[in-house]
Amino acid sequence: MADFISVFGVITPFDYVLTILATFAGIIVGAIPGLGATMAVAILTSFTATMETLPSMAVLVGIYMGAVY
């Protein structure tokens, strides 16, 4: 249980905001014909290459989940 609670100390509010924004962007990308979750993640990989690990993974997971939704 302590390990589960310690995760909340690592994730910052900025990471939550990035995840929410990426999810909304994923919903928009997923609604466009011809673009899907794989294409969105492939395009955003180049943008997240310069970010830190946790925020970049939050963006990629957020856009993937939004596009699949």
Protein backbone atom coordinates (compact mmCIF):
# COMPACT_ATOMS: atom_id res chain seq x y z
CA MET A 1 0.00 0.00 0.00
CA ALA A 2 2.87 2.34 0.77
CA ASP A 3 4.25 1.86 -2.75
CA PHE A 4 0.90 2.78 -4.24
CA ILE A 5 0.70 5.97 -2.17
CA SER A 6 4.30 6.92 -2.98
CA VAL A 7 3.39 7.22 -6.68
CA PHE A 8 1.29 10.29 -5.87
CA GLY A 9 4.41 12.05 -4.59
CA VAL A 10 6.14 11.60 -7.95
CA ILE A 11 3.35 12.80 -10.22
CA THR A 12 3.07 16.58 -10.24
CA PRO A 13 -0.04 18.64 -11.05
CA PHE A 14 1.65 19.60 -14.32
CA ASP A 15 1.66 15.92 -15.32
CA TYR A 16 -2.07 15.70 -14.63
CA VAL A 17 -2.70 18.78 -16.79
CA LEU A 18 -0.60 17.33 -19.61
CA THR A 19 -2.52 14.07 -19.43
CA ILE A 20 -5.88 15.82 -19.56
CA LEU A 21 -4.87 18.04 -22.47
CA ALA A 22 -3.38 15.10 -24.36
CA THR A 23 -6.56 13.09 -23.82
CA PHE A 24 -8.67 15.87 -25.32
CA ALA A 25 -6.21 16.16 -28.21
CA GLY A 26 -6.45 12.40 -28.68
CA ILE A 27 -10.23 12.59 -28.88
CA ILE A 28 -9.93 15.21 -31.61
CA VAL A 29 -7.30 13.23 -33.52
CA GLY A 30 -9.33 10.04 -33.17
CA ALA A 31 -12.36 11.75 -34.69
CA ILE A 32 -10.48 12.70 -37.86
CA PRO A 33 -10.84 10.03 -40.57
CA GLY A 34 -7.53 8.43 -41.48
CA LEU A 35 -5.79 9.34 -38.25
CA GLY A 36 -5.74 6.92 -35.39
CA ALA A 37 -4.06 6.26 -32.10
CA THR A 38 -0.92 4.82 -33.67
CA MET A 39 -0.51 7.77 -36.01
CA ALA A 40 -1.03 10.27 -33.17
CA VAL A 41 1.56 8.58 -30.98
CA ALA A 42 4.01 8.38 -33.89
CA ILE A 43 3.63 12.11 -34.61
CA LEU A 44 3.94 13.15 -30.97
CA THR A 45 6.98 10.98 -30.27
CA SER A 46 9.20 13.58 -31.91
CA PHE A 47 7.67 16.36 -29.78
CA THR A 48 8.07 14.46 -26.53
CA ALA A 49 11.68 13.43 -27.19
CA THR A 50 13.04 16.52 -25.44
CA MET A 51 10.72 16.25 -22.42
CA GLU A 52 11.44 14.43 -19.18
CA THR A 53 10.37 10.81 -18.91
CA LEU A 54 7.22 11.05 -16.80
CA PRO A 55 5.59 14.02 -18.60
CA SER A 56 6.37 12.56 -22.01
CA MET A 57 4.85 9.21 -21.09
CA ALA A 58 1.81 11.01 -19.67
CA VAL A 59 1.31 12.82 -22.98
CA LEU A 60 1.74 9.68 -25.08
CA VAL A 61 -0.59 7.60 -22.92
CA GLY A 62 -3.14 10.41 -22.79
CA ILE A 63 -3.26 10.89 -26.54
CA TYR A 64 -3.43 7.14 -27.14
CA MET A 65 -6.30 6.64 -24.72
CA GLY A 66 -8.15 9.64 -26.12
CA ALA A 67 -7.78 8.45 -29.70
CA VAL A 68 -8.94 4.94 -28.84
CA TYR A 69 -11.96 6.34 -27.01
